[in-house]
Amino acid sequence: MVVDMNNMIERFNLMAEVGSTPQGGISRLALSEEDKQARDLLVSWMKELNLLVSIDDVGNVYGKMEGKNPHASPLVLGSHLDIP
């Protein structure tokens, strides 16, 4: 897998714009409109990667990509998009 650093930085900056404050910070409280915008943006990126996207009852977003090796261990990553 090759990581396009320019793309990664661009996406990081796009996500940082969601909920940005005039003082230069970010505010994305859980279940706020800004939190929803951040989750929607993440979902759009997951769909671009052809991930199987699911969202649970409390808004957690999951993206799943089937592996090619049935004997390989799964890889799970997690993070938060809500920022006080």
PDB file of N, CA and C in Angstrom:
ATOM      1  N   MET A   1       0.844  -1.183   0.000  1.00  0.00           N
ATOM      2  CA  MET A   1       0.000   0.000   0.000  1.00  0.00           C
ATOM      3  C   MET A   1       0.883   1.236   0.000  1.00  0.00           C
ATOM      4  N   VAL A   2       0.543   2.176  -0.854  1.00  0.00           N
ATOM      5  CA  VAL A   2       1.266   3.439  -0.934  1.00  0.00           C
ATOM      6  C   VAL A   2       0.374   4.540  -0.378  1.00  0.00           C
ATOM      7  N   VAL A   3       0.925   5.347   0.510  1.00  0.00           N
ATOM      8  CA  VAL A   3       0.183   6.451   1.109  1.00  0.00           C
ATOM      9  C   VAL A   3       0.545   7.738   0.383  1.00  0.00           C
ATOM     10  N   ASP A   4      -0.458   8.414  -0.135  1.00  0.00           N
ATOM     11  CA  ASP A   4      -0.276   9.707  -0.792  1.00  0.00           C
ATOM     12  C   ASP A   4      -0.326  10.779   0.297  1.00  0.00           C
ATOM     13  N   MET A   5       0.844  11.266   0.690  1.00  0.00           N
ATOM     14  CA  MET A   5       0.921  12.221   1.797  1.00  0.00           C
ATOM     15  C   MET A   5       0.190  13.519   1.481  1.00  0.00           C
ATOM     16  N   ASN A   6       0.237  13.973   0.240  1.00  0.00           N
ATOM     17  CA  ASN A   6      -0.472  15.206  -0.106  1.00  0.00           C
ATOM     18  C   ASN A   6      -1.974  15.030   0.076  1.00  0.00           C
ATOM     19  N   ASN A   7      -2.497  13.884  -0.345  1.00  0.00           N
ATOM     20  CA  ASN A   7      -3.919  13.582  -0.164  1.00  0.00           C
ATOM     21  C   ASN A   7      -4.267  13.499   1.324  1.00  0.00           C
ATOM     22  N   MET A   8      -3.397  12.862   2.095  1.00  0.00           N
ATOM     23  CA  MET A   8      -3.642  12.725   3.530  1.00  0.00           C
ATOM     24  C   MET A   8      -3.689  14.092   4.212  1.00  0.00           C
ATOM     25  N   ILE A   9      -2.752  14.954   3.869  1.00  0.00           N
ATOM     26  CA  ILE A   9      -2.710  16.299   4.459  1.00  0.00           C
ATOM     27  C   ILE A   9      -3.936  17.098   4.036  1.00  0.00           C
ATOM     28  N   GLU A  10      -4.324  16.983   2.760  1.00  0.00           N
ATOM     29  CA  GLU A  10      -5.511  17.694   2.276  1.00  0.00           C
ATOM     30  C   GLU A  10      -6.760  17.256   3.033  1.00  0.00           C
ATOM     31  N   ARG A  11      -6.907  15.958   3.238  1.00  0.00           N
ATOM     32  CA  ARG A  11      -8.079  15.448   3.961  1.00  0.00           C
ATOM     33  C   ARG A  11      -8.037  15.844   5.431  1.00  0.00           C
ATOM     34  N   PHE A  12      -6.862  15.817   6.015  1.00  0.00           N
ATOM     35  CA  PHE A  12      -6.718  16.259   7.405  1.00  0.00           C
ATOM     36  C   PHE A  12      -7.171  17.710   7.535  1.00  0.00           C
ATOM     37  N   ASN A  13      -6.739  18.543   6.596  1.00  0.00           N
ATOM     38  CA  ASN A  13      -7.112  19.960   6.620  1.00  0.00           C
ATOM     39  C   ASN A  13      -8.604  20.157   6.373  1.00  0.00           C
ATOM     40  N   LEU A  14      -9.201  19.354   5.483  1.00  0.00           N
ATOM     41  CA  LEU A  14     -10.648  19.434   5.259  1.00  0.00           C
ATOM     42  C   LEU A  14     -11.413  19.077   6.526  1.00  0.00           C
ATOM     43  N   MET A  15     -10.980  18.029   7.206  1.00  0.00           N
ATOM     44  CA  MET A  15     -11.653  17.631   8.446  1.00  0.00           C
ATOM     45  C   MET A  15     -11.468  18.708   9.510  1.00  0.00           C
ATOM     46  N   ALA A  16     -10.303  19.356   9.537  1.00  0.00           N
ATOM     47  CA  ALA A  16     -10.037  20.405  10.529  1.00  0.00           C
ATOM     48  C   ALA A  16     -10.923  21.623  10.325  1.00  0.00           C
ATOM     49  N   GLU A  17     -11.440  21.823   9.110  1.00  0.00           N
ATOM     50  CA  GLU A  17     -12.336  22.947   8.840  1.00  0.00           C
ATOM     51  C   GLU A  17     -13.716  22.739   9.462  1.00  0.00           C
ATOM     52  N   VAL A  18     -14.091  21.483   9.668  1.00  0.00           N
ATOM     53  CA  VAL A  18     -15.424  21.183  10.215  1.00  0.00           C
ATOM     54  C   VAL A  18     -15.429  21.537  11.698  1.00  0.00           C
ATOM     55  N   GLY A  19     -16.204  22.538  12.048  1.00  0.00           N
ATOM     56  CA  GLY A  19     -16.279  22.978  13.440  1.00  0.00           C
ATOM     57  C   GLY A  19     -15.162  23.923  13.845  1.00  0.00           C
ATOM     58  N   SER A  20     -14.469  24.485  12.857  1.00  0.00           N
ATOM     59  CA  SER A  20     -13.371  25.398  13.200  1.00  0.00           C
ATOM     60  C   SER A  20     -13.914  26.649  13.895  1.00  0.00           C
ATOM     61  N   THR A  21     -13.134  27.176  14.803  1.00  0.00           N
ATOM     62  CA  THR A  21     -13.535  28.362  15.565  1.00  0.00           C
ATOM     63  C   THR A  21     -12.718  29.572  15.108  1.00  0.00           C
ATOM     64  N   PRO A  22     -13.226  30.781  15.340  1.00  0.00           N
ATOM     65  CA  PRO A  22     -12.483  31.986  14.945  1.00  0.00           C
ATOM     66  C   PRO A  22     -11.114  32.106  15.617  1.00  0.00           C
ATOM     67  N   GLN A  23     -10.947  31.474  16.773  1.00  0.00           N
ATOM     68  CA  GLN A  23      -9.677  31.543  17.498  1.00  0.00           C
ATOM     69  C   GLN A  23      -8.654  30.539  16.972  1.00  0.00           C
ATOM     70  N   GLY A  24      -9.026  29.742  15.955  1.00  0.00           N
ATOM     71  CA  GLY A  24      -8.090  28.780  15.387  1.00  0.00           C
ATOM     72  C   GLY A  24      -8.223  27.372  15.926  1.00  0.00           C
ATOM     73  N   GLY A  25      -9.207  27.147  16.772  1.00  0.00           N
ATOM     74  CA  GLY A  25      -9.421  25.809  17.311  1.00  0.00           C
ATOM     75  C   GLY A  25     -10.512  25.067  16.553  1.00  0.00           C
ATOM     76  N   ILE A  26     -10.939  23.968  17.135  1.00  0.00           N
ATOM     77  CA  ILE A  26     -12.004  23.154  16.554  1.00  0.00           C
ATOM     78  C   ILE A  26     -12.972  22.784  17.669  1.00  0.00           C
ATOM     79  N   SER A  27     -14.269  22.847  17.386  1.00  0.00           N
ATOM     80  CA  SER A  27     -15.291  22.412  18.333  1.00  0.00           C
ATOM     81  C   SER A  27     -16.284  21.517  17.597  1.00  0.00           C
ATOM     82  N   ARG A  28     -16.258  20.214  17.924  1.00  0.00           N
ATOM     83  CA  ARG A  28     -17.205  19.251  17.354  1.00  0.00           C
ATOM     84  C   ARG A  28     -17.741  18.391  18.492  1.00  0.00           C
ATOM     85  N   LEU A  29     -18.634  18.949  19.264  1.00  0.00           N
ATOM     86  CA  LEU A  29     -19.207  18.205  20.377  1.00  0.00           C
ATOM     87  C   LEU A  29     -20.016  17.029  19.852  1.00  0.00           C
ATOM     88  N   ALA A  30     -19.998  15.939  20.591  1.00  0.00           N
ATOM     89  CA  ALA A  30     -20.741  14.740  20.197  1.00  0.00           C
ATOM     90  C   ALA A  30     -22.203  15.090  19.945  1.00  0.00           C
ATOM     91  N   LEU A  31     -22.732  14.588  18.853  1.00  0.00           N
ATOM     92  CA  LEU A  31     -24.123  14.730  18.429  1.00  0.00           C
ATOM     93  C   LEU A  31     -24.497  16.145  17.982  1.00  0.00           C
ATOM     94  N   SER A  32     -23.506  17.016  17.819  1.00  0.00           N
ATOM     95  CA  SER A  32     -23.765  18.360  17.300  1.00  0.00           C
ATOM     96  C   SER A  32     -23.821  18.302  15.770  1.00  0.00           C
ATOM     97  N   GLU A  33     -24.243  19.402  15.152  1.00  0.00           N
ATOM     98  CA  GLU A  33     -24.262  19.476  13.690  1.00  0.00           C
ATOM     99  C   GLU A  33     -22.844  19.317  13.133  1.00  0.00           C
ATOM    100  N   GLU A  34     -21.847  19.885  13.813  1.00  0.00           N
ATOM    101  CA  GLU A  34     -20.461  19.754  13.372  1.00  0.00           C
ATOM    102  C   GLU A  34     -19.997  18.301  13.446  1.00  0.00           C
ATOM    103  N   ASP A  35     -20.399  17.594  14.481  1.00  0.00           N
ATOM    104  CA  ASP A  35     -20.059  16.173  14.604  1.00  0.00           C
ATOM    105  C   ASP A  35     -20.677  15.391  13.450  1.00  0.00           C
ATOM    106  N   LYS A  36     -21.925  15.698  13.111  1.00  0.00           N
ATOM    107  CA  LYS A  36     -22.588  15.025  11.990  1.00  0.00           C
ATOM    108  C   LYS A  36     -21.865  15.318  10.682  1.00  0.00           C
ATOM    109  N   GLN A  37     -21.450  16.569  10.475  1.00  0.00           N
ATOM    110  CA  GLN A  37     -20.719  16.931   9.256  1.00  0.00           C
ATOM    111  C   GLN A  37     -19.406  16.148   9.165  1.00  0.00           C
ATOM    112  N   ALA A  38     -18.711  16.019  10.297  1.00  0.00           N
ATOM    113  CA  ALA A  38     -17.450  15.277  10.309  1.00  0.00           C
ATOM    114  C   ALA A  38     -17.696  13.800   9.992  1.00  0.00           C
ATOM    115  N   ARG A  39     -18.734  13.215  10.585  1.00  0.00           N
ATOM    116  CA  ARG A  39     -19.048  11.805  10.307  1.00  0.00           C
ATOM    117  C   ARG A  39     -19.451  11.619   8.850  1.00  0.00           C
ATOM    118  N   ASP A  40     -20.223  12.549   8.307  1.00  0.00           N
ATOM    119  CA  ASP A  40     -20.629  12.462   6.899  1.00  0.00           C
ATOM    120  C   ASP A  40     -19.413  12.542   5.972  1.00  0.00           C
ATOM    121  N   LEU A  41     -18.471  13.401   6.308  1.00  0.00           N
ATOM    122  CA  LEU A  41     -17.262  13.524   5.510  1.00  0.00           C
ATOM    123  C   LEU A  41     -16.463  12.219   5.558  1.00  0.00           C
ATOM    124  N   LEU A  42     -16.330  11.652   6.755  1.00  0.00           N
ATOM    125  CA  LEU A  42     -15.628  10.380   6.906  1.00  0.00           C
ATOM    126  C   LEU A  42     -16.317   9.281   6.097  1.00  0.00           C
ATOM    127  N   VAL A  43     -17.627   9.210   6.165  1.00  0.00           N
ATOM    128  CA  VAL A  43     -18.378   8.214   5.403  1.00  0.00           C
ATOM    129  C   VAL A  43     -18.120   8.385   3.908  1.00  0.00           C
ATOM    130  N   SER A  44     -18.098   9.620   3.415  1.00  0.00           N
ATOM    131  CA  SER A  44     -17.859   9.849   1.985  1.00  0.00           C
ATOM    132  C   SER A  44     -16.483   9.324   1.582  1.00  0.00           C
ATOM    133  N   TRP A  45     -15.481   9.523   2.435  1.00  0.00           N
ATOM    134  CA  TRP A  45     -14.138   9.015   2.134  1.00  0.00           C
ATOM    135  C   TRP A  45     -14.102   7.493   2.165  1.00  0.00           C
ATOM    136  N   MET A  46     -14.817   6.898   3.122  1.00  0.00           N
ATOM    137  CA  MET A  46     -14.863   5.435   3.194  1.00  0.00           C
ATOM    138  C   MET A  46     -15.521   4.851   1.940  1.00  0.00           C
ATOM    139  N   LYS A  47     -16.574   5.497   1.478  1.00  0.00           N
ATOM    140  CA  LYS A  47     -17.255   5.015   0.270  1.00  0.00           C
ATOM    141  C   LYS A  47     -16.365   5.153  -0.957  1.00  0.00           C
ATOM    142  N   GLU A  48     -15.554   6.214  -1.027  1.00  0.00           N
ATOM    143  CA  GLU A  48     -14.601   6.367  -2.129  1.00  0.00           C
ATOM    144  C   GLU A  48     -13.633   5.189  -2.179  1.00  0.00           C
ATOM    145  N   LEU A  49     -13.345   4.616  -1.020  1.00  0.00           N
ATOM    146  CA  LEU A  49     -12.436   3.467  -0.918  1.00  0.00           C
ATOM    147  C   LEU A  49     -13.168   2.130  -1.063  1.00  0.00           C
ATOM    148  N   ASN A  50     -14.456   2.214  -1.396  1.00  0.00           N
ATOM    149  CA  ASN A  50     -15.295   1.011  -1.547  1.00  0.00           C
ATOM    150  C   ASN A  50     -15.379   0.172  -0.275  1.00  0.00           C
ATOM    151  N   LEU A  51     -15.358   0.847   0.869  1.00  0.00           N
ATOM    152  CA  LEU A  51     -15.550   0.148   2.132  1.00  0.00           C
ATOM    153  C   LEU A  51     -17.040  -0.084   2.343  1.00  0.00           C
ATOM    154  N   LEU A  52     -17.358  -1.154   3.028  1.00  0.00           N
ATOM    155  CA  LEU A  52     -18.732  -1.405   3.444  1.00  0.00           C
ATOM    156  C   LEU A  52     -18.958  -0.564   4.696  1.00  0.00           C
ATOM    157  N   VAL A  53     -19.795   0.464   4.597  1.00  0.00           N
ATOM    158  CA  VAL A  53     -19.990   1.419   5.687  1.00  0.00           C
ATOM    159  C   VAL A  53     -21.256   1.069   6.457  1.00  0.00           C
ATOM    160  N   SER A  54     -21.130   1.064   7.781  1.00  0.00           N
ATOM    161  CA  SER A  54     -22.310   0.903   8.630  1.00  0.00           C
ATOM    162  C   SER A  54     -22.205   1.901   9.779  1.00  0.00           C
ATOM    163  N   ILE A  55     -23.372   2.273  10.295  1.00  0.00           N
ATOM    164  CA  ILE A  55     -23.453   3.242  11.400  1.00  0.00           C
ATOM    165  C   ILE A  55     -24.389   2.653  12.440  1.00  0.00           C
ATOM    166  N   ASP A  56     -23.942   2.602  13.690  1.00  0.00           N
ATOM    167  CA  ASP A  56     -24.785   2.019  14.731  1.00  0.00           C
ATOM    168  C   ASP A  56     -25.778   3.040  15.283  1.00  0.00           C
ATOM    169  N   ASP A  57     -26.560   2.622  16.255  1.00  0.00           N
ATOM    170  CA  ASP A  57     -27.641   3.460  16.788  1.00  0.00           C
ATOM    171  C   ASP A  57     -27.172   4.745  17.459  1.00  0.00           C
ATOM    172  N   VAL A  58     -25.911   4.798  17.887  1.00  0.00           N
ATOM    173  CA  VAL A  58     -25.418   6.017  18.539  1.00  0.00           C
ATOM    174  C   VAL A  58     -24.481   6.811  17.640  1.00  0.00           C
ATOM    175  N   GLY A  59     -24.391   6.442  16.358  1.00  0.00           N
ATOM    176  CA  GLY A  59     -23.634   7.226  15.399  1.00  0.00           C
ATOM    177  C   GLY A  59     -22.201   6.791  15.156  1.00  0.00           C
ATOM    178  N   ASN A  60     -21.761   5.676  15.776  1.00  0.00           N
ATOM    179  CA  ASN A  60     -20.420   5.186  15.477  1.00  0.00           C
ATOM    180  C   ASN A  60     -20.367   4.713  14.032  1.00  0.00           C
ATOM    181  N   VAL A  61     -19.310   5.090  13.331  1.00  0.00           N
ATOM    182  CA  VAL A  61     -19.149   4.770  11.914  1.00  0.00           C
ATOM    183  C   VAL A  61     -18.124   3.642  11.779  1.00  0.00           C
ATOM    184  N   TYR A  62     -18.471   2.637  10.975  1.00  0.00           N
ATOM    185  CA  TYR A  62     -17.593   1.500  10.729  1.00  0.00           C
ATOM    186  C   TYR A  62     -17.376   1.357   9.230  1.00  0.00           C
ATOM    187  N   GLY A  63     -16.138   1.177   8.821  1.00  0.00           N
ATOM    188  CA  GLY A  63     -15.813   0.895   7.433  1.00  0.00           C
ATOM    189  C   GLY A  63     -15.106  -0.441   7.372  1.00  0.00           C
ATOM    190  N   LYS A  64     -15.607  -1.331   6.539  1.00  0.00           N
ATOM    191  CA  LYS A  64     -15.051  -2.677   6.477  1.00  0.00           C
ATOM    192  C   LYS A  64     -14.554  -2.984   5.075  1.00  0.00           C
ATOM    193  N   MET A  65     -13.332  -3.517   5.015  1.00  0.00           N
ATOM    194  CA  MET A  65     -12.762  -3.968   3.752  1.00  0.00           C
ATOM    195  C   MET A  65     -12.392  -5.436   3.932  1.00  0.00           C
ATOM    196  N   GLU A  66     -12.936  -6.262   3.068  1.00  0.00           N
ATOM    197  CA  GLU A  66     -12.610  -7.684   3.133  1.00  0.00           C
ATOM    198  C   GLU A  66     -11.157  -7.882   2.706  1.00  0.00           C
ATOM    199  N   GLY A  67     -10.448  -8.738   3.428  1.00  0.00           N
ATOM    200  CA  GLY A  67      -9.071  -9.050   3.077  1.00  0.00           C
ATOM    201  C   GLY A  67      -8.995 -10.104   1.996  1.00  0.00           C
ATOM    202  N   LYS A  68      -7.831 -10.250   1.428  1.00  0.00           N
ATOM    203  CA  LYS A  68      -7.615 -11.242   0.378  1.00  0.00           C
ATOM    204  C   LYS A  68      -7.081 -12.555   0.930  1.00  0.00           C
ATOM    205  N   ASN A  69      -6.523 -12.509   2.129  1.00  0.00           N
ATOM    206  CA  ASN A  69      -5.953 -13.700   2.741  1.00  0.00           C
ATOM    207  C   ASN A  69      -6.872 -14.146   3.878  1.00  0.00           C
ATOM    208  N   PRO A  70      -7.575 -15.279   3.707  1.00  0.00           N
ATOM    209  CA  PRO A  70      -8.511 -15.723   4.745  1.00  0.00           C
ATOM    210  C   PRO A  70      -7.822 -16.156   6.045  1.00  0.00           C
ATOM    211  N   HIS A  71      -6.502 -16.308   6.010  1.00  0.00           N
ATOM    212  CA  HIS A  71      -5.768 -16.756   7.198  1.00  0.00           C
ATOM    213  C   HIS A  71      -5.117 -15.602   7.959  1.00  0.00           C
ATOM    214  N   ALA A  72      -5.202 -14.398   7.403  1.00  0.00           N
ATOM    215  CA  ALA A  72      -4.598 -13.226   8.047  1.00  0.00           C
ATOM    216  C   ALA A  72      -5.481 -12.749   9.195  1.00  0.00           C
ATOM    217  N   SER A  73      -4.843 -12.190  10.189  1.00  0.00           N
ATOM    218  CA  SER A  73      -5.574 -11.618  11.317  1.00  0.00           C
ATOM    219  C   SER A  73      -6.204 -10.291  10.894  1.00  0.00           C
ATOM    220  N   PRO A  74      -7.375  -9.968  11.451  1.00  0.00           N
ATOM    221  CA  PRO A  74      -8.004  -8.678  11.097  1.00  0.00           C
ATOM    222  C   PRO A  74      -7.248  -7.518  11.730  1.00  0.00           C
ATOM    223  N   LEU A  75      -7.376  -6.375  11.106  1.00  0.00           N
ATOM    224  CA  LEU A  75      -6.802  -5.134  11.609  1.00  0.00           C
ATOM    225  C   LEU A  75      -7.955  -4.197  11.938  1.00  0.00           C
ATOM    226  N   VAL A  76      -7.961  -3.671  13.148  1.00  0.00           N
ATOM    227  CA  VAL A  76      -9.035  -2.779  13.583  1.00  0.00           C
ATOM    228  C   VAL A  76      -8.402  -1.465  14.040  1.00  0.00           C
ATOM    229  N   LEU A  77      -8.927  -0.343  13.526  1.00  0.00           N
ATOM    230  CA  LEU A  77      -8.463   0.991  13.907  1.00  0.00           C
ATOM    231  C   LEU A  77      -9.643   1.792  14.436  1.00  0.00           C
ATOM    232  N   GLY A  78      -9.396   2.710  15.333  1.00  0.00           N
ATOM    233  CA  GLY A  78     -10.470   3.529  15.853  1.00  0.00           C
ATOM    234  C   GLY A  78      -9.993   4.917  16.221  1.00  0.00           C
ATOM    235  N   SER A  79     -10.972   5.819  16.290  1.00  0.00           N
ATOM    236  CA  SER A  79     -10.657   7.191  16.650  1.00  0.00           C
ATOM    237  C   SER A  79     -11.946   7.918  17.015  1.00  0.00           C
ATOM    238  N   HIS A  80     -11.815   9.170  17.415  1.00  0.00           N
ATOM    239  CA  HIS A  80     -12.962  10.018  17.711  1.00  0.00           C
ATOM    240  C   HIS A  80     -12.955  11.207  16.764  1.00  0.00           C
ATOM    241  N   LEU A  81     -14.137  11.629  16.324  1.00  0.00           N
ATOM    242  CA  LEU A  81     -14.256  12.823  15.498  1.00  0.00           C
ATOM    243  C   LEU A  81     -14.821  13.997  16.290  1.00  0.00           C
ATOM    244  N   ASP A  82     -15.396  13.705  17.470  1.00  0.00           N
ATOM    245  CA  ASP A  82     -15.951  14.788  18.291  1.00  0.00           C
ATOM    246  C   ASP A  82     -14.833  15.369  19.148  1.00  0.00           C
ATOM    247  N   ILE A  83     -14.743  16.679  19.144  1.00  0.00           N
ATOM    248  CA  ILE A  83     -13.678  17.369  19.868  1.00  0.00           C
ATOM    249  C   ILE A  83     -14.326  18.493  20.683  1.00  0.00           C
ATOM    250  N   PRO A  84     -14.085  18.508  21.992  1.00  0.00           N
ATOM    251  CA  PRO A  84     -14.664  19.601  22.791  1.00  0.00           C
ATOM    252  C   PRO A  84     -13.938  20.912  22.559  1.00  0.00           C
TER     253      PRO A  84
END
